[in-house]
Protein backbone atom coordinates (compact mmCIF):
# COMPACT_ATOMS: atom_id res chain seq x y z
CA MET A 1 13.53 3.26 4.41
CA TYR A 2 15.13 2.58 7.81
CA ILE A 3 11.82 1.85 9.08
CA THR A 4 13.80 2.21 12.86
CA ASP A 5 13.80 6.29 11.81
CA PHE A 6 10.05 6.27 12.29
CA ILE A 7 9.83 4.03 15.54
CA ALA A 8 7.96 6.19 17.95
CA THR A 9 7.17 5.56 21.77
CA ASP A 10 4.99 8.49 22.72
CA ILE A 11 2.33 6.13 24.01
CA LYS A 12 2.71 4.15 26.69
CA ALA A 13 1.46 0.76 25.63
CA LEU A 14 -1.60 -0.80 28.25
CA LYS A 15 -0.59 -4.01 30.45
CA LEU A 16 -2.86 -7.12 31.02
CA THR A 17 -4.17 -5.34 34.88
CA ASP A 18 -5.22 -1.73 32.93
CA THR A 19 -8.68 -1.75 33.45
CA ILE A 20 -11.39 -1.32 30.03
CA GLY A 21 -12.14 1.88 30.91
CA LYS A 22 -8.01 3.44 31.30
CA ALA A 23 -8.50 2.24 28.08
CA LYS A 24 -11.55 3.81 26.49
CA LYS A 25 -9.68 6.88 27.89
CA MET A 26 -6.63 6.66 25.97
CA PHE A 27 -9.31 6.00 23.06
CA SER A 28 -11.03 8.91 23.97
CA GLU A 29 -7.62 11.65 23.57
CA LEU A 30 -5.96 9.90 20.76
CA ILE A 31 -6.60 9.07 17.18
CA PHE A 32 -5.43 5.09 17.00
CA THR A 33 -7.30 2.56 16.57
CA HIS A 34 -5.71 0.25 18.55
CA ILE A 35 -3.18 -0.19 21.00
CA PRO A 36 -0.64 -2.12 21.89
CA VAL A 37 -0.53 -4.35 25.29
CA VAL A 38 2.28 -5.34 26.43
CA ASP A 39 4.12 -6.83 29.83
CA ALA A 40 7.51 -7.18 30.59
CA GLY A 41 8.13 -6.23 26.34
CA ASN A 42 6.33 -8.88 25.90
CA LEU A 43 3.69 -7.46 23.16
CA TYR A 44 0.25 -9.91 24.06
CA GLY A 45 -1.65 -8.10 20.91
CA LEU A 46 -3.54 -5.21 20.43
CA ILE A 47 -7.17 -3.89 21.71
CA ALA A 48 -9.28 -2.11 19.22
CA GLU A 49 -11.20 0.81 19.81
CA SER A 50 -14.26 -0.90 18.13
CA ASP A 51 -14.64 -3.60 20.68
CA LEU A 52 -14.92 -1.58 22.92
CA PRO A 53 -18.16 -1.00 23.40
CA SER A 54 -20.08 -4.39 24.16
CA LEU A 55 -18.06 -4.21 27.22
CA ASP A 56 -19.88 -2.52 29.82
CA ASP A 57 -17.63 -3.55 33.66
CA ASP A 58 -14.40 -0.61 32.76
CA THR A 59 -13.40 -2.31 36.03
CA VAL A 60 -12.73 -5.96 34.18
CA VAL A 61 -9.38 -6.12 33.64
CA LEU A 62 -7.13 -6.72 30.03
CA GLU A 63 -5.27 -10.06 31.11
CA GLU A 64 -9.58 -11.08 31.63
CA VAL A 65 -10.46 -9.95 27.60
CA GLN A 66 -7.50 -11.52 26.38
CA TYR A 67 -9.10 -13.05 23.94
CA MET A 68 -10.52 -9.88 22.22
CA LEU A 69 -6.80 -8.97 21.46
CA GLN A 70 -5.87 -9.18 18.17
CA ARG A 71 -2.32 -10.56 17.21
CA PHE A 72 -0.88 -8.49 14.12
CA PHE A 73 3.15 -6.30 14.31
CA SER A 74 5.74 -5.93 12.28
CA PHE A 75 9.30 -6.30 12.87
CA ASN A 76 12.40 -3.70 12.70
CA ASP A 77 13.53 -4.41 9.75
CA ALA A 78 9.99 -4.62 7.33
CA ASN A 79 10.16 -3.26 4.14
CA TRP A 80 6.95 -0.45 4.03
CA LEU A 81 5.55 -2.20 1.42
CA ASP A 82 4.84 -5.47 3.72
CA LEU A 83 4.45 -2.20 5.99
CA LEU A 84 1.08 -1.07 3.96
CA LYS A 85 -0.26 -4.11 3.60
CA GLU A 86 -0.03 -4.88 7.48
CA PHE A 87 -2.47 -1.13 7.65
CA ALA A 88 -4.50 -2.49 5.48
CA THR A 89 -5.57 -5.94 5.89
CA ASN A 90 -5.73 -5.21 9.37
CA GLU A 91 -7.76 -1.94 9.38
CA ALA A 92 -5.74 0.05 11.83
CA ASN A 93 -3.12 2.58 11.63
CA LEU A 94 -1.20 1.63 14.24
CA ILE A 95 0.96 -1.33 13.97
CA PRO A 96 3.84 -2.16 16.90
CA ILE A 97 7.32 -3.13 16.11
CA LEU A 98 9.32 -5.95 17.71
CA ASN A 99 13.16 -6.26 17.31
CA GLU A 100 14.86 -9.69 16.62
CA GLU A 101 14.03 -11.27 19.76
CA LYS A 102 10.60 -10.83 19.77
CA LYS A 103 10.47 -7.94 22.08
CA TYR A 104 8.06 -4.88 21.50
CA ILE A 105 9.98 -1.52 21.26
CA GLY A 106 7.39 0.48 20.05
CA TYR A 107 4.85 1.26 17.21
CA LEU A 108 4.39 3.12 13.44
CA GLU A 109 1.49 5.22 12.93
CA LEU A 110 0.42 5.10 9.62
CA ALA A 111 0.67 9.02 8.72
CA ASP A 112 4.36 8.22 9.42
CA ILE A 113 4.51 5.50 6.87
CA LEU A 114 2.49 7.60 4.08
CA HIS A 115 4.45 10.68 4.47
CA PHE A 116 7.12 8.31 3.60
CA PHE A 117 4.98 7.57 0.25
CA ASN A 118 4.49 10.37 -0.95
CA LYS A 119 7.69 11.36 -1.29
CA THR A 120 8.76 9.49 -3.38
CA PRO A 121 9.68 9.39 -7.34
CA PHE A 122 7.05 7.38 -8.13
CA LEU A 123 4.43 9.92 -6.63
CA GLN A 124 6.15 13.05 -6.08
CA GLU A 125 8.14 13.43 -10.35
CA ASP A 126 6.63 14.34 -13.12
CA GLY A 127 5.20 11.82 -15.33
CA THR A 128 2.87 9.26 -16.82
CA ILE A 129 1.18 6.07 -14.44
CA LEU A 130 -0.17 3.85 -16.96
CA ILE A 131 -1.72 0.42 -15.92
CA ILE A 132 -0.33 -2.22 -18.29
CA SER A 133 -1.13 -5.83 -18.14
CA LYS A 134 -0.20 -9.26 -19.87
CA ASN A 135 -0.99 -13.07 -19.58
CA LYS A 136 0.92 -14.52 -15.76
CA ASN A 137 3.73 -16.36 -17.50
CA ASP A 138 4.43 -14.07 -20.06
CA TYR A 139 4.67 -11.02 -17.56
CA SER A 140 8.24 -9.84 -16.74
CA LEU A 141 9.33 -7.42 -15.22
CA SER A 142 12.77 -6.59 -16.26
CA GLU A 143 10.84 -6.37 -19.79
CA VAL A 144 8.79 -4.09 -18.64
CA ALA A 145 11.72 -2.06 -17.69
CA GLN A 146 13.66 -3.32 -20.78
CA ILE A 147 10.51 -1.39 -22.90
CA VAL A 148 10.73 1.47 -20.81
CA GLU A 149 14.59 2.50 -20.74
CA SER A 150 14.36 1.09 -24.78
CA ASN A 151 12.24 3.84 -25.42
CA GLU A 152 14.76 6.28 -23.88
CA ALA A 153 12.09 6.90 -21.02
CA LYS A 154 12.59 6.85 -17.01
CA LEU A 155 10.35 4.08 -14.41
CA PHE A 156 9.66 5.58 -11.80
CA GLY A 157 8.13 2.09 -9.82
CA ALA A 158 6.16 -0.62 -10.79
CA ILE A 159 3.04 -2.08 -8.76
CA VAL A 160 1.95 -5.52 -9.37
CA SER A 161 -2.10 -3.97 -9.05
CA ASN A 162 -3.84 -6.59 -9.54
CA THR A 163 -4.21 -10.29 -11.00
CA ASP A 164 -6.37 -13.09 -11.49
CA ASN A 165 -5.71 -16.68 -12.67
CA ASP A 166 -4.48 -15.18 -16.41
CA LYS A 167 -3.15 -11.90 -15.76
CA VAL A 168 -1.07 -9.38 -14.05
CA GLU A 169 -1.28 -6.26 -13.91
CA LEU A 170 1.17 -3.93 -13.07
CA THR A 171 0.88 0.33 -12.44
CA ILE A 172 3.71 1.76 -13.94
CA LYS A 173 5.14 5.19 -13.79
CA ILE A 174 6.77 6.49 -16.48
CA GLY A 175 8.53 9.83 -17.26
CA SER A 176 9.27 10.67 -21.27
CA ASN A 177 9.06 13.19 -23.38
CA ASN A 178 8.05 10.37 -25.89
CA ILE A 179 5.02 8.30 -23.53
CA ASN A 180 3.61 7.07 -27.16
CA ASP A 181 6.55 5.37 -28.49
CA VAL A 182 6.48 3.88 -25.13
CA ILE A 183 2.89 2.42 -25.07
CA HIS A 184 3.52 1.32 -28.93
CA THR A 185 6.16 -0.56 -27.22
CA PHE A 186 4.44 -2.70 -24.91
CA ARG A 187 1.39 -2.96 -27.73
CA ARG A 188 4.02 -4.96 -29.70
CA TYR A 189 5.34 -6.63 -27.01
CA ASP A 190 1.33 -7.97 -26.49
CA TYR A 191 0.83 -6.18 -23.40
CA ASP A 192 -3.39 -4.78 -23.26
CA ILE A 193 -2.74 -0.81 -21.93
CA ILE A 194 -5.77 -0.36 -19.89
CA LEU A 195 -5.15 2.56 -18.96
CA GLY A 196 -2.91 5.54 -19.82
CA ILE A 197 -3.21 9.03 -21.09
CA LYS A 198 -6.15 10.48 -22.25
CA GLU A 199 -4.88 10.39 -26.23
CA ASP A 200 -2.53 8.42 -27.58
CA GLU A 201 -1.37 8.36 -31.22
CA TYR A 202 -2.78 4.87 -31.85
CA LEU A 203 -5.92 6.02 -30.72
CA ASN A 204 -5.92 8.95 -32.65
CA ASP A 205 -4.96 6.62 -35.74
CA LEU A 206 -8.26 4.67 -35.10
CA LYS A 207 -10.41 7.50 -34.70
CA GLU A 208 -9.00 9.13 -38.15
CA ARG A 209 -9.77 5.73 -40.23
CA SER A 210 -13.88 5.73 -38.10
CA ALA A 211 -14.17 9.26 -38.97
CA TYR A 212 -12.89 8.47 -42.52
CA LEU A 213 -14.77 5.71 -42.96
CA GLN A 214 -17.96 6.54 -41.54
CA LYS A 215 -17.46 9.77 -44.21
CA TYR A 216 -17.13 7.06 -47.46
CA LEU A 217 -20.32 5.24 -45.81
CA ASP A 218 -22.35 8.46 -45.87
CA ILE A 219 -21.11 8.68 -49.43
């Protein structure tokens, strides 16, 4: 994805000489959590809607409250995963975009990035979501791909969804008619299956053995 295709300029950024009253009016007409503050192409930060209730004097200009401006942005060559992280970290639905000269060129909306994400094979293709885990020192993304493909399955995507001191957790989406074979192979390679299909053959086998043992004990 080229994020330049999604950069918008519909909403004009605020200036340092604009008043708190103007900022409040803009927020009342928009659905954004933040609005960029720009002068002469330079991004000074963003004013957050949640900060405005603490400002009673609507005649105060933004230049006088620069200490309240939040400073986050992305460059026009950022990838969509970095953008999602930026949105989440700053609890924002708008991110200002700068070019190579660090000049403000527009903004990205969270809705546009999510729309792109929703159209990726990771979400659109039919398949099975697995969450697997392994020791961090033994984990290899190439190994994960090899396990999937060795079972004639398709890997539609993989995301490192959690890490701690010892373990790494991956969420992967697989297209396969033999998902049980994939699960068995992951187990042979010492991966823990945290979340998989509701009933795989391994679990069924355990249940059958348990039921047989229970019958034996009841005799």
